[in-house]
Amino acid sequence: MSIILSEIEVKVRKLIDAQHQLVEENRRLASENKALREENETLVNASRELHDKLNKTTIVNALGNNEEEIKEGRKLIKELIKEIDQCVSILNTKE
């Protein structure tokens, strides 16, 4: 009878240890999840800002009459698009 109780006690201790490990892992994952959500929000905001900047630049360049201004505007737009693509790529890898 005492052998059976000892075996049960060992199994209960193992279950308690496993439960403690799972609780700790859950805390760690919750913390990581929170950090990733904050990073995602930051990247989404940066993407929105770049999108707004791009729209403003496009409007300004459409109003420009000088060929050099148009070339500079196009170059700037290409750079902004590249940045936006990088932000989108980062966001897609986080999901």
N, C-alpha and C. Protein backbone atom coordinates (compact mmCIF):
# COMPACT_ATOMS: atom_id res chain seq x y z
N MET A 1 0.82 -1.19 0.00
CA MET A 1 0.00 0.00 0.00
C MET A 1 0.86 1.26 0.00
N SER A 2 1.94 1.23 0.78
CA SER A 2 2.81 2.41 0.85
C SER A 2 3.54 2.63 -0.48
N ILE A 3 3.80 1.57 -1.22
CA ILE A 3 4.44 1.71 -2.54
C ILE A 3 3.50 2.42 -3.49
N ILE A 4 2.24 2.08 -3.45
CA ILE A 4 1.26 2.73 -4.32
C ILE A 4 1.14 4.21 -3.96
N LEU A 5 1.13 4.51 -2.68
CA LEU A 5 1.06 5.92 -2.25
C LEU A 5 2.31 6.68 -2.68
N SER A 6 3.46 6.05 -2.62
CA SER A 6 4.70 6.70 -3.05
C SER A 6 4.67 6.98 -4.54
N GLU A 7 4.18 6.03 -5.31
CA GLU A 7 4.07 6.23 -6.76
C GLU A 7 3.10 7.37 -7.08
N ILE A 8 1.99 7.40 -6.37
CA ILE A 8 1.01 8.48 -6.57
C ILE A 8 1.64 9.82 -6.20
N GLU A 9 2.37 9.85 -5.10
CA GLU A 9 3.02 11.08 -4.66
C GLU A 9 4.03 11.57 -5.71
N VAL A 10 4.81 10.67 -6.27
CA VAL A 10 5.79 11.03 -7.31
C VAL A 10 5.07 11.59 -8.53
N LYS A 11 3.98 10.94 -8.93
CA LYS A 11 3.23 11.42 -10.10
C LYS A 11 2.61 12.79 -9.85
N VAL A 12 2.10 13.00 -8.64
CA VAL A 12 1.50 14.30 -8.30
C VAL A 12 2.57 15.39 -8.33
N ARG A 13 3.75 15.09 -7.79
CA ARG A 13 4.84 16.08 -7.82
C ARG A 13 5.24 16.41 -9.26
N LYS A 14 5.29 15.40 -10.10
CA LYS A 14 5.61 15.65 -11.51
C LYS A 14 4.56 16.53 -12.17
N LEU A 15 3.30 16.26 -11.85
CA LEU A 15 2.21 17.09 -12.40
C LEU A 15 2.30 18.53 -11.90
N ILE A 16 2.63 18.70 -10.62
CA ILE A 16 2.77 20.05 -10.06
C ILE A 16 3.94 20.78 -10.74
N ASP A 17 5.04 20.09 -10.92
CA ASP A 17 6.19 20.70 -11.61
C ASP A 17 5.83 21.09 -13.04
N ALA A 18 5.13 20.21 -13.73
CA ALA A 18 4.72 20.50 -15.10
C ALA A 18 3.79 21.70 -15.14
N GLN A 19 2.89 21.78 -14.16
CA GLN A 19 1.96 22.91 -14.09
C GLN A 19 2.71 24.21 -13.86
N HIS A 20 3.71 24.21 -12.98
CA HIS A 20 4.52 25.41 -12.73
C HIS A 20 5.27 25.83 -13.99
N GLN A 21 5.79 24.88 -14.71
CA GLN A 21 6.51 25.19 -15.95
C GLN A 21 5.56 25.79 -16.97
N LEU A 22 4.35 25.26 -17.06
CA LEU A 22 3.37 25.78 -18.02
C LEU A 22 2.91 27.19 -17.64
N VAL A 23 2.77 27.44 -16.36
CA VAL A 23 2.39 28.78 -15.91
C VAL A 23 3.49 29.77 -16.28
N GLU A 24 4.73 29.40 -16.05
CA GLU A 24 5.85 30.29 -16.38
C GLU A 24 5.94 30.52 -17.88
N GLU A 25 5.76 29.46 -18.66
CA GLU A 25 5.79 29.61 -20.12
C GLU A 25 4.65 30.50 -20.59
N ASN A 26 3.49 30.35 -19.98
CA ASN A 26 2.34 31.19 -20.33
C ASN A 26 2.64 32.66 -20.05
N ARG A 27 3.27 32.95 -18.93
CA ARG A 27 3.65 34.34 -18.60
C ARG A 27 4.63 34.90 -19.63
N ARG A 28 5.62 34.07 -19.96
CA ARG A 28 6.62 34.50 -20.93
C ARG A 28 5.98 34.78 -22.29
N LEU A 29 5.10 33.89 -22.72
CA LEU A 29 4.45 34.06 -24.02
C LEU A 29 3.51 35.27 -24.02
N ALA A 30 2.83 35.51 -22.90
CA ALA A 30 1.97 36.68 -22.81
C ALA A 30 2.79 37.96 -22.91
N SER A 31 3.93 37.98 -22.26
CA SER A 31 4.81 39.14 -22.32
C SER A 31 5.34 39.35 -23.74
N GLU A 32 5.75 38.26 -24.37
CA GLU A 32 6.23 38.35 -25.75
C GLU A 32 5.13 38.81 -26.69
N ASN A 33 3.93 38.32 -26.47
CA ASN A 33 2.78 38.71 -27.29
C ASN A 33 2.51 40.20 -27.16
N LYS A 34 2.57 40.70 -25.94
CA LYS A 34 2.35 42.13 -25.71
C LYS A 34 3.40 42.97 -26.43
N ALA A 35 4.66 42.56 -26.33
CA ALA A 35 5.75 43.29 -26.99
C ALA A 35 5.56 43.28 -28.51
N LEU A 36 5.16 42.15 -29.05
CA LEU A 36 4.96 42.06 -30.51
C LEU A 36 3.77 42.90 -30.95
N ARG A 37 2.73 42.95 -30.14
CA ARG A 37 1.58 43.79 -30.48
C ARG A 37 1.98 45.28 -30.49
N GLU A 38 2.78 45.67 -29.51
CA GLU A 38 3.24 47.06 -29.47
C GLU A 38 4.12 47.38 -30.67
N GLU A 39 5.01 46.46 -31.01
CA GLU A 39 5.87 46.66 -32.18
C GLU A 39 5.03 46.73 -33.45
N ASN A 40 4.03 45.89 -33.55
CA ASN A 40 3.16 45.88 -34.71
C ASN A 40 2.42 47.21 -34.82
N GLU A 41 1.93 47.72 -33.70
CA GLU A 41 1.23 49.00 -33.71
C GLU A 41 2.16 50.13 -34.16
N THR A 42 3.39 50.10 -33.69
CA THR A 42 4.38 51.10 -34.09
C THR A 42 4.63 51.04 -35.59
N LEU A 43 4.77 49.84 -36.12
CA LEU A 43 5.03 49.68 -37.55
C LEU A 43 3.83 50.09 -38.39
N VAL A 44 2.64 49.79 -37.90
CA VAL A 44 1.42 50.19 -38.63
C VAL A 44 1.34 51.71 -38.67
N ASN A 45 1.64 52.36 -37.55
CA ASN A 45 1.61 53.83 -37.51
C ASN A 45 2.67 54.42 -38.45
N ALA A 46 3.85 53.82 -38.47
CA ALA A 46 4.90 54.30 -39.37
C ALA A 46 4.47 54.12 -40.82
N SER A 47 3.84 53.01 -41.11
CA SER A 47 3.36 52.76 -42.47
C SER A 47 2.31 53.79 -42.88
N ARG A 48 1.41 54.11 -41.95
CA ARG A 48 0.38 55.12 -42.24
C ARG A 48 1.02 56.49 -42.50
N GLU A 49 2.00 56.83 -41.67
CA GLU A 49 2.68 58.11 -41.85
C GLU A 49 3.38 58.18 -43.20
N LEU A 50 4.03 57.09 -43.58
CA LEU A 50 4.71 57.05 -44.88
C LEU A 50 3.70 57.14 -46.02
N HIS A 51 2.58 56.50 -45.83
CA HIS A 51 1.54 56.55 -46.87
C HIS A 51 1.03 57.99 -47.03
N ASP A 52 0.80 58.67 -45.90
CA ASP A 52 0.36 60.07 -45.96
C ASP A 52 1.41 60.95 -46.63
N LYS A 53 2.67 60.71 -46.26
CA LYS A 53 3.77 61.47 -46.85
C LYS A 53 3.83 61.25 -48.36
N LEU A 54 3.64 60.03 -48.76
CA LEU A 54 3.66 59.69 -50.18
C LEU A 54 2.54 60.41 -50.91
N ASN A 55 1.36 60.40 -50.34
CA ASN A 55 0.23 61.09 -50.98
C ASN A 55 0.49 62.59 -51.11
N LYS A 56 1.04 63.19 -50.07
CA LYS A 56 1.33 64.62 -50.12
C LYS A 56 2.39 64.93 -51.17
N THR A 57 3.41 64.10 -51.22
CA THR A 57 4.47 64.30 -52.20
C THR A 57 3.95 64.14 -53.62
N THR A 58 3.10 63.19 -53.83
CA THR A 58 2.52 62.97 -55.15
C THR A 58 1.72 64.19 -55.60
N ILE A 59 0.96 64.75 -54.69
CA ILE A 59 0.17 65.94 -55.02
C ILE A 59 1.09 67.11 -55.34
N VAL A 60 2.11 67.30 -54.52
CA VAL A 60 3.05 68.40 -54.74
C VAL A 60 3.74 68.25 -56.09
N ASN A 61 4.16 67.03 -56.38
CA ASN A 61 4.86 66.80 -57.66
C ASN A 61 3.94 66.95 -58.86
N ALA A 62 2.69 66.63 -58.68
CA ALA A 62 1.75 66.80 -59.78
C ALA A 62 1.56 68.27 -60.12
N LEU A 63 1.76 69.13 -59.13
CA LEU A 63 1.60 70.56 -59.34
C LEU A 63 2.88 71.22 -59.84
N GLY A 64 4.01 70.52 -59.75
CA GLY A 64 5.28 71.09 -60.17
C GLY A 64 5.36 71.25 -61.69
N ASN A 65 6.02 72.31 -62.13
CA ASN A 65 6.15 72.58 -63.56
C ASN A 65 7.56 72.29 -64.06
N ASN A 66 8.49 72.28 -63.17
CA ASN A 66 9.89 72.12 -63.53
C ASN A 66 10.19 70.62 -63.71
N GLU A 67 10.89 70.29 -64.82
CA GLU A 67 11.23 68.89 -65.11
C GLU A 67 12.12 68.30 -64.02
N GLU A 68 13.03 69.11 -63.50
CA GLU A 68 13.92 68.64 -62.44
C GLU A 68 13.14 68.33 -61.17
N GLU A 69 12.15 69.16 -60.84
CA GLU A 69 11.31 68.91 -59.67
C GLU A 69 10.53 67.61 -59.84
N ILE A 70 10.07 67.37 -61.04
CA ILE A 70 9.33 66.14 -61.30
C ILE A 70 10.22 64.92 -61.12
N LYS A 71 11.47 64.99 -61.62
CA LYS A 71 12.41 63.88 -61.46
C LYS A 71 12.72 63.64 -59.99
N GLU A 72 12.97 64.73 -59.25
CA GLU A 72 13.25 64.61 -57.82
C GLU A 72 12.04 64.03 -57.08
N GLY A 73 10.86 64.46 -57.48
CA GLY A 73 9.64 63.95 -56.87
C GLY A 73 9.47 62.47 -57.13
N ARG A 74 9.73 62.05 -58.32
CA ARG A 74 9.62 60.62 -58.66
C ARG A 74 10.63 59.80 -57.87
N LYS A 75 11.84 60.35 -57.75
CA LYS A 75 12.88 59.65 -56.98
C LYS A 75 12.44 59.51 -55.52
N LEU A 76 11.89 60.58 -54.97
CA LEU A 76 11.42 60.55 -53.59
C LEU A 76 10.28 59.55 -53.43
N ILE A 77 9.38 59.54 -54.38
CA ILE A 77 8.25 58.60 -54.33
C ILE A 77 8.77 57.17 -54.37
N LYS A 78 9.74 56.89 -55.21
CA LYS A 78 10.29 55.54 -55.28
C LYS A 78 10.92 55.14 -53.95
N GLU A 79 11.62 56.07 -53.32
CA GLU A 79 12.24 55.78 -52.03
C GLU A 79 11.18 55.51 -50.97
N LEU A 80 10.12 56.32 -50.99
CA LEU A 80 9.05 56.13 -50.01
C LEU A 80 8.33 54.80 -50.24
N ILE A 81 8.13 54.45 -51.48
CA ILE A 81 7.49 53.18 -51.79
C ILE A 81 8.35 52.03 -51.29
N LYS A 82 9.66 52.17 -51.45
CA LYS A 82 10.58 51.14 -50.97
C LYS A 82 10.46 51.00 -49.45
N GLU A 83 10.38 52.13 -48.74
CA GLU A 83 10.23 52.09 -47.29
C GLU A 83 8.90 51.45 -46.90
N ILE A 84 7.87 51.80 -47.61
CA ILE A 84 6.55 51.22 -47.33
C ILE A 84 6.58 49.71 -47.56
N ASP A 85 7.19 49.29 -48.65
CA ASP A 85 7.30 47.86 -48.93
C ASP A 85 8.05 47.14 -47.81
N GLN A 86 9.10 47.78 -47.29
CA GLN A 86 9.85 47.18 -46.19
C GLN A 86 8.97 47.06 -44.95
N CYS A 87 8.19 48.10 -44.67
CA CYS A 87 7.30 48.05 -43.51
C CYS A 87 6.26 46.95 -43.67
N VAL A 88 5.68 46.87 -44.85
CA VAL A 88 4.68 45.82 -45.11
C VAL A 88 5.31 44.44 -44.98
N SER A 89 6.51 44.30 -45.48
CA SER A 89 7.21 43.03 -45.39
C SER A 89 7.44 42.64 -43.94
N ILE A 90 7.84 43.60 -43.13
CA ILE A 90 8.05 43.35 -41.70
C ILE A 90 6.74 42.95 -41.03
N LEU A 91 5.67 43.68 -41.37
CA LEU A 91 4.37 43.36 -40.79
C LEU A 91 3.93 41.95 -41.20
N ASN A 92 4.16 41.58 -42.43
CA ASN A 92 3.74 40.26 -42.90
C ASN A 92 4.52 39.15 -42.23
N THR A 93 5.80 39.39 -41.92
CA THR A 93 6.58 38.35 -41.26
C THR A 93 6.21 38.19 -39.80
N LYS A 94 5.64 39.23 -39.20
CA LYS A 94 5.23 39.18 -37.79
C LYS A 94 3.93 38.41 -37.61
N GLU A 95 3.14 38.32 -38.63
CA GLU A 95 1.85 37.63 -38.53
C GLU A 95 2.08 36.20 -38.67
